[in-house]
Amino acid sequence: MVLKNKIKELIDREGITAYRFVKDTGFAPATGYRLAADSTYIPSAKILETICDRYRVQPGEILEWLPDNP
């Protein structure tokens, strides 16, 4: 099983930059930029909650489960 974050897709859909994402969420720059650039970086529950609250999205819009290849 593989989880992937879809933060980059969220940022693109919102029409904002990674910089704006960092400012909007209050995350440390290293965390915000890594979330935007690295889809394998899975946010903690607190970070996920912050993103959902700020952008009014469901966790399923941020995380995607990809099944293992048989």
PDB file of N, CA and C in Angstrom:
ATOM      1  N   MET A   1       0.842  -1.178   0.000  1.00  0.00           N
ATOM      2  CA  MET A   1       0.000   0.000   0.000  1.00  0.00           C
ATOM      3  C   MET A   1       0.887   1.241   0.000  1.00  0.00           C
ATOM      4  N   VAL A   2       0.481   2.197  -0.779  1.00  0.00           N
ATOM      5  CA  VAL A   2       1.215   3.451  -0.869  1.00  0.00           C
ATOM      6  C   VAL A   2       0.223   4.598  -0.704  1.00  0.00           C
ATOM      7  N   LEU A   3       0.579   5.533   0.147  1.00  0.00           N
ATOM      8  CA  LEU A   3      -0.193   6.766   0.268  1.00  0.00           C
ATOM      9  C   LEU A   3       0.554   7.884  -0.439  1.00  0.00           C
ATOM     10  N   LYS A   4      -0.198   8.790  -1.011  1.00  0.00           N
ATOM     11  CA  LYS A   4       0.412   9.939  -1.680  1.00  0.00           C
ATOM     12  C   LYS A   4      -0.374  11.174  -1.277  1.00  0.00           C
ATOM     13  N   ASN A   5       0.336  12.282  -1.100  1.00  0.00           N
ATOM     14  CA  ASN A   5      -0.380  13.530  -0.817  1.00  0.00           C
ATOM     15  C   ASN A   5      -0.634  14.262  -2.129  1.00  0.00           C
ATOM     16  N   LYS A   6      -1.734  14.967  -2.167  1.00  0.00           N
ATOM     17  CA  LYS A   6      -2.128  15.696  -3.371  1.00  0.00           C
ATOM     18  C   LYS A   6      -2.137  17.205  -3.113  1.00  0.00           C
ATOM     19  N   ILE A   7      -1.176  17.651  -2.313  1.00  0.00           N
ATOM     20  CA  ILE A   7      -1.083  19.072  -1.972  1.00  0.00           C
ATOM     21  C   ILE A   7      -0.823  19.913  -3.218  1.00  0.00           C
ATOM     22  N   LYS A   8       0.041  19.448  -4.089  1.00  0.00           N
ATOM     23  CA  LYS A   8       0.347  20.191  -5.323  1.00  0.00           C
ATOM     24  C   LYS A   8      -0.930  20.396  -6.141  1.00  0.00           C
ATOM     25  N   GLU A   9      -1.759  19.366  -6.217  1.00  0.00           N
ATOM     26  CA  GLU A   9      -3.024  19.487  -6.944  1.00  0.00           C
ATOM     27  C   GLU A   9      -3.941  20.509  -6.262  1.00  0.00           C
ATOM     28  N   LEU A  10      -3.970  20.497  -4.937  1.00  0.00           N
ATOM     29  CA  LEU A  10      -4.767  21.468  -4.182  1.00  0.00           C
ATOM     30  C   LEU A  10      -4.283  22.887  -4.455  1.00  0.00           C
ATOM     31  N   ILE A  11      -2.976  23.072  -4.402  1.00  0.00           N
ATOM     32  CA  ILE A  11      -2.393  24.388  -4.657  1.00  0.00           C
ATOM     33  C   ILE A  11      -2.741  24.873  -6.064  1.00  0.00           C
ATOM     34  N   ASP A  12      -2.594  23.995  -7.028  1.00  0.00           N
ATOM     35  CA  ASP A  12      -2.918  24.363  -8.409  1.00  0.00           C
ATOM     36  C   ASP A  12      -4.406  24.699  -8.558  1.00  0.00           C
ATOM     37  N   ARG A  13      -5.254  23.891  -7.935  1.00  0.00           N
ATOM     38  CA  ARG A  13      -6.699  24.114  -8.025  1.00  0.00           C
ATOM     39  C   ARG A  13      -7.095  25.441  -7.363  1.00  0.00           C
ATOM     40  N   GLU A  14      -6.439  25.778  -6.271  1.00  0.00           N
ATOM     41  CA  GLU A  14      -6.716  27.033  -5.572  1.00  0.00           C
ATOM     42  C   GLU A  14      -6.096  28.237  -6.283  1.00  0.00           C
ATOM     43  N   GLY A  15      -5.183  27.970  -7.214  1.00  0.00           N
ATOM     44  CA  GLY A  15      -4.533  29.056  -7.947  1.00  0.00           C
ATOM     45  C   GLY A  15      -3.547  29.840  -7.094  1.00  0.00           C
ATOM     46  N   ILE A  16      -2.885  29.133  -6.169  1.00  0.00           N
ATOM     47  CA  ILE A  16      -1.930  29.796  -5.285  1.00  0.00           C
ATOM     48  C   ILE A  16      -0.537  29.192  -5.477  1.00  0.00           C
ATOM     49  N   THR A  17       0.444  29.843  -4.915  1.00  0.00           N
ATOM     50  CA  THR A  17       1.814  29.347  -4.954  1.00  0.00           C
ATOM     51  C   THR A  17       2.116  28.563  -3.677  1.00  0.00           C
ATOM     52  N   ALA A  18       3.216  27.854  -3.684  1.00  0.00           N
ATOM     53  CA  ALA A  18       3.660  27.155  -2.479  1.00  0.00           C
ATOM     54  C   ALA A  18       3.929  28.164  -1.367  1.00  0.00           C
ATOM     55  N   TYR A  19       4.451  29.319  -1.720  1.00  0.00           N
ATOM     56  CA  TYR A  19       4.695  30.377  -0.736  1.00  0.00           C
ATOM     57  C   TYR A  19       3.388  30.803  -0.062  1.00  0.00           C
ATOM     58  N   ARG A  20       2.337  31.011  -0.855  1.00  0.00           N
ATOM     59  CA  ARG A  20       1.035  31.399  -0.309  1.00  0.00           C
ATOM     60  C   ARG A  20       0.475  30.285   0.584  1.00  0.00           C
ATOM     61  N   PHE A  21       0.682  29.021   0.175  1.00  0.00           N
ATOM     62  CA  PHE A  21       0.256  27.866   0.973  1.00  0.00           C
ATOM     63  C   PHE A  21       0.910  27.901   2.349  1.00  0.00           C
ATOM     64  N   VAL A  22       2.211  28.170   2.380  1.00  0.00           N
ATOM     65  CA  VAL A  22       2.945  28.262   3.649  1.00  0.00           C
ATOM     66  C   VAL A  22       2.379  29.395   4.498  1.00  0.00           C
ATOM     67  N   LYS A  23       2.139  30.535   3.904  1.00  0.00           N
ATOM     68  CA  LYS A  23       1.610  31.684   4.647  1.00  0.00           C
ATOM     69  C   LYS A  23       0.177  31.422   5.140  1.00  0.00           C
ATOM     70  N   ASP A  24      -0.649  30.831   4.292  1.00  0.00           N
ATOM     71  CA  ASP A  24      -2.040  30.556   4.647  1.00  0.00           C
ATOM     72  C   ASP A  24      -2.155  29.576   5.815  1.00  0.00           C
ATOM     73  N   THR A  25      -1.282  28.590   5.850  1.00  0.00           N
ATOM     74  CA  THR A  25      -1.385  27.525   6.846  1.00  0.00           C
ATOM     75  C   THR A  25      -0.567  27.794   8.103  1.00  0.00           C
ATOM     76  N   GLY A  26       0.443  28.643   7.986  1.00  0.00           N
ATOM     77  CA  GLY A  26       1.309  28.913   9.131  1.00  0.00           C
ATOM     78  C   GLY A  26       2.343  27.830   9.377  1.00  0.00           C
ATOM     79  N   PHE A  27       2.516  26.934   8.418  1.00  0.00           N
ATOM     80  CA  PHE A  27       3.519  25.874   8.554  1.00  0.00           C
ATOM     81  C   PHE A  27       4.917  26.450   8.426  1.00  0.00           C
ATOM     82  N   ALA A  28       5.877  25.756   9.016  1.00  0.00           N
ATOM     83  CA  ALA A  28       7.274  26.113   8.796  1.00  0.00           C
ATOM     84  C   ALA A  28       7.537  25.990   7.303  1.00  0.00           C
ATOM     85  N   PRO A  29       8.328  26.888   6.735  1.00  0.00           N
ATOM     86  CA  PRO A  29       8.588  26.820   5.297  1.00  0.00           C
ATOM     87  C   PRO A  29       9.066  25.443   4.825  1.00  0.00           C
ATOM     88  N   ALA A  30       9.946  24.815   5.573  1.00  0.00           N
ATOM     89  CA  ALA A  30      10.445  23.498   5.154  1.00  0.00           C
ATOM     90  C   ALA A  30       9.310  22.491   5.037  1.00  0.00           C
ATOM     91  N   THR A  31       8.365  22.545   5.950  1.00  0.00           N
ATOM     92  CA  THR A  31       7.228  21.624   5.914  1.00  0.00           C
ATOM     93  C   THR A  31       6.301  21.937   4.749  1.00  0.00           C
ATOM     94  N   GLY A  32       5.934  23.189   4.609  1.00  0.00           N
ATOM     95  CA  GLY A  32       5.015  23.582   3.542  1.00  0.00           C
ATOM     96  C   GLY A  32       5.556  23.301   2.155  1.00  0.00           C
ATOM     97  N   TYR A  33       6.809  23.663   1.934  1.00  0.00           N
ATOM     98  CA  TYR A  33       7.397  23.435   0.618  1.00  0.00           C
ATOM     99  C   TYR A  33       7.590  21.950   0.339  1.00  0.00           C
ATOM    100  N   ARG A  34       7.932  21.189   1.375  1.00  0.00           N
ATOM    101  CA  ARG A  34       8.096  19.747   1.169  1.00  0.00           C
ATOM    102  C   ARG A  34       6.757  19.100   0.840  1.00  0.00           C
ATOM    103  N   LEU A  35       5.693  19.495   1.530  1.00  0.00           N
ATOM    104  CA  LEU A  35       4.373  18.959   1.217  1.00  0.00           C
ATOM    105  C   LEU A  35       3.988  19.248  -0.233  1.00  0.00           C
ATOM    106  N   ALA A  36       4.318  20.442  -0.701  1.00  0.00           N
ATOM    107  CA  ALA A  36       3.972  20.837  -2.065  1.00  0.00           C
ATOM    108  C   ALA A  36       4.817  20.127  -3.115  1.00  0.00           C
ATOM    109  N   ALA A  37       6.044  19.809  -2.778  1.00  0.00           N
ATOM    110  CA  ALA A  37       6.966  19.250  -3.775  1.00  0.00           C
ATOM    111  C   ALA A  37       7.099  17.738  -3.743  1.00  0.00           C
ATOM    112  N   ASP A  38       6.836  17.122  -2.592  1.00  0.00           N
ATOM    113  CA  ASP A  38       7.098  15.687  -2.429  1.00  0.00           C
ATOM    114  C   ASP A  38       5.798  14.956  -2.117  1.00  0.00           C
ATOM    115  N   SER A  39       5.220  14.312  -3.114  1.00  0.00           N
ATOM    116  CA  SER A  39       3.934  13.639  -2.920  1.00  0.00           C
ATOM    117  C   SER A  39       4.038  12.417  -2.009  1.00  0.00           C
ATOM    118  N   THR A  40       5.244  11.963  -1.708  1.00  0.00           N
ATOM    119  CA  THR A  40       5.397  10.823  -0.802  1.00  0.00           C
ATOM    120  C   THR A  40       5.455  11.261   0.664  1.00  0.00           C
ATOM    121  N   TYR A  41       5.537  12.560   0.912  1.00  0.00           N
ATOM    122  CA  TYR A  41       5.578  13.084   2.274  1.00  0.00           C
ATOM    123  C   TYR A  41       4.144  13.169   2.795  1.00  0.00           C
ATOM    124  N   ILE A  42       3.830  12.343   3.787  1.00  0.00           N
ATOM    125  CA  ILE A  42       2.473  12.260   4.307  1.00  0.00           C
ATOM    126  C   ILE A  42       2.356  13.155   5.545  1.00  0.00           C
ATOM    127  N   PRO A  43       1.388  14.063   5.530  1.00  0.00           N
ATOM    128  CA  PRO A  43       1.254  14.987   6.655  1.00  0.00           C
ATOM    129  C   PRO A  43       0.744  14.294   7.915  1.00  0.00           C
ATOM    130  N   SER A  44       1.114  14.840   9.058  1.00  0.00           N
ATOM    131  CA  SER A  44       0.595  14.345  10.331  1.00  0.00           C
ATOM    132  C   SER A  44      -0.892  14.709  10.421  1.00  0.00           C
ATOM    133  N   ALA A  45      -1.558  14.146  11.411  1.00  0.00           N
ATOM    134  CA  ALA A  45      -2.981  14.428  11.601  1.00  0.00           C
ATOM    135  C   ALA A  45      -3.221  15.917  11.850  1.00  0.00           C
ATOM    136  N   LYS A  46      -2.362  16.548  12.624  1.00  0.00           N
ATOM    137  CA  LYS A  46      -2.519  17.981  12.922  1.00  0.00           C
ATOM    138  C   LYS A  46      -2.356  18.832  11.657  1.00  0.00           C
ATOM    139  N   ILE A  47      -1.370  18.509  10.846  1.00  0.00           N
ATOM    140  CA  ILE A  47      -1.159  19.237   9.587  1.00  0.00           C
ATOM    141  C   ILE A  47      -2.343  19.020   8.655  1.00  0.00           C
ATOM    142  N   LEU A  48      -2.805  17.786   8.568  1.00  0.00           N
ATOM    143  CA  LEU A  48      -3.953  17.457   7.725  1.00  0.00           C
ATOM    144  C   LEU A  48      -5.188  18.250   8.171  1.00  0.00           C
ATOM    145  N   GLU A  49      -5.393  18.322   9.474  1.00  0.00           N
ATOM    146  CA  GLU A  49      -6.521  19.077  10.017  1.00  0.00           C
ATOM    147  C   GLU A  49      -6.409  20.564   9.674  1.00  0.00           C
ATOM    148  N   THR A  50      -5.222  21.113   9.778  1.00  0.00           N
ATOM    149  CA  THR A  50      -5.000  22.525   9.448  1.00  0.00           C
ATOM    150  C   THR A  50      -5.326  22.799   7.985  1.00  0.00           C
ATOM    151  N   ILE A  51      -4.871  21.931   7.101  1.00  0.00           N
ATOM    152  CA  ILE A  51      -5.138  22.107   5.664  1.00  0.00           C
ATOM    153  C   ILE A  51      -6.637  22.022   5.393  1.00  0.00           C
ATOM    154  N   CYS A  52      -7.292  21.025   5.983  1.00  0.00           N
ATOM    155  CA  CYS A  52      -8.737  20.865   5.783  1.00  0.00           C
ATOM    156  C   CYS A  52      -9.505  22.084   6.280  1.00  0.00           C
ATOM    157  N   ASP A  53      -9.124  22.579   7.460  1.00  0.00           N
ATOM    158  CA  ASP A  53      -9.792  23.771   8.005  1.00  0.00           C
ATOM    159  C   ASP A  53      -9.583  24.997   7.126  1.00  0.00           C
ATOM    160  N   ARG A  54      -8.362  25.214   6.695  1.00  0.00           N
ATOM    161  CA  ARG A  54      -8.029  26.417   5.929  1.00  0.00           C
ATOM    162  C   ARG A  54      -8.675  26.432   4.543  1.00  0.00           C
ATOM    163  N   TYR A  55      -8.646  25.281   3.872  1.00  0.00           N
ATOM    164  CA  TYR A  55      -9.131  25.230   2.482  1.00  0.00           C
ATOM    165  C   TYR A  55     -10.509  24.589   2.350  1.00  0.00           C
ATOM    166  N   ARG A  56     -11.118  24.222   3.515  1.00  0.00           N
ATOM    167  CA  ARG A  56     -12.464  23.642   3.523  1.00  0.00           C
ATOM    168  C   ARG A  56     -12.558  22.428   2.604  1.00  0.00           C
ATOM    169  N   VAL A  57     -11.626  21.492   2.771  1.00  0.00           N
ATOM    170  CA  VAL A  57     -11.585  20.268   1.976  1.00  0.00           C
ATOM    171  C   VAL A  57     -11.646  19.054   2.908  1.00  0.00           C
ATOM    172  N   GLN A  58     -11.978  17.920   2.341  1.00  0.00           N
ATOM    173  CA  GLN A  58     -11.994  16.654   3.064  1.00  0.00           C
ATOM    174  C   GLN A  58     -10.610  16.012   2.976  1.00  0.00           C
ATOM    175  N   PRO A  59     -10.231  15.188   3.960  1.00  0.00           N
ATOM    176  CA  PRO A  59      -8.921  14.524   3.914  1.00  0.00           C
ATOM    177  C   PRO A  59      -8.700  13.723   2.626  1.00  0.00           C
ATOM    178  N   GLY A  60      -9.772  13.148   2.087  1.00  0.00           N
ATOM    179  CA  GLY A  60      -9.652  12.383   0.846  1.00  0.00           C
ATOM    180  C   GLY A  60      -9.270  13.221  -0.364  1.00  0.00           C
ATOM    181  N   GLU A  61      -9.403  14.533  -0.242  1.00  0.00           N
ATOM    182  CA  GLU A  61      -8.983  15.414  -1.322  1.00  0.00           C
ATOM    183  C   GLU A  61      -7.492  15.719  -1.239  1.00  0.00           C
ATOM    184  N   ILE A  62      -6.885  15.344  -0.111  1.00  0.00           N
ATOM    185  CA  ILE A  62      -5.471  15.621   0.123  1.00  0.00           C
ATOM    186  C   ILE A  62      -4.618  14.364   0.053  1.00  0.00           C
ATOM    187  N   LEU A  63      -5.208  13.246   0.461  1.00  0.00           N
ATOM    188  CA  LEU A  63      -4.476  11.975   0.464  1.00  0.00           C
ATOM    189  C   LEU A  63      -5.113  11.006  -0.511  1.00  0.00           C
ATOM    190  N   GLU A  64      -4.281  10.207  -1.144  1.00  0.00           N
ATOM    191  CA  GLU A  64      -4.756   9.186  -2.067  1.00  0.00           C
ATOM    192  C   GLU A  64      -4.056   7.879  -1.740  1.00  0.00           C
ATOM    193  N   TRP A  65      -4.832   6.821  -1.656  1.00  0.00           N
ATOM    194  CA  TRP A  65      -4.302   5.485  -1.422  1.00  0.00           C
ATOM    195  C   TRP A  65      -4.122   4.797  -2.764  1.00  0.00           C
ATOM    196  N   LEU A  66      -2.934   4.259  -2.988  1.00  0.00           N
ATOM    197  CA  LEU A  66      -2.640   3.534  -4.216  1.00  0.00           C
ATOM    198  C   LEU A  66      -2.331   2.085  -3.833  1.00  0.00           C
ATOM    199  N   PRO A  67      -3.099   1.134  -4.355  1.00  0.00           N
ATOM    200  CA  PRO A  67      -2.862  -0.262  -3.997  1.00  0.00           C
ATOM    201  C   PRO A  67      -1.537  -0.762  -4.556  1.00  0.00           C
ATOM    202  N   ASP A  68      -0.972  -1.734  -3.835  1.00  0.00           N
ATOM    203  CA  ASP A  68       0.241  -2.371  -4.339  1.00  0.00           C
ATOM    204  C   ASP A  68      -0.061  -3.115  -5.622  1.00  0.00           C
ATOM    205  N   ASN A  69       0.931  -3.207  -6.487  1.00  0.00           N
ATOM    206  CA  ASN A  69       0.771  -4.008  -7.698  1.00  0.00           C
ATOM    207  C   ASN A  69       0.815  -5.488  -7.330  1.00  0.00           C
ATOM    208  N   PRO A  70      -0.107  -6.291  -7.867  1.00  0.00           N
ATOM    209  CA  PRO A  70      -0.102  -7.725  -7.521  1.00  0.00           C
ATOM    210  C   PRO A  70       1.106  -8.458  -8.040  1.00  0.00           C
TER     211      PRO A  70
END
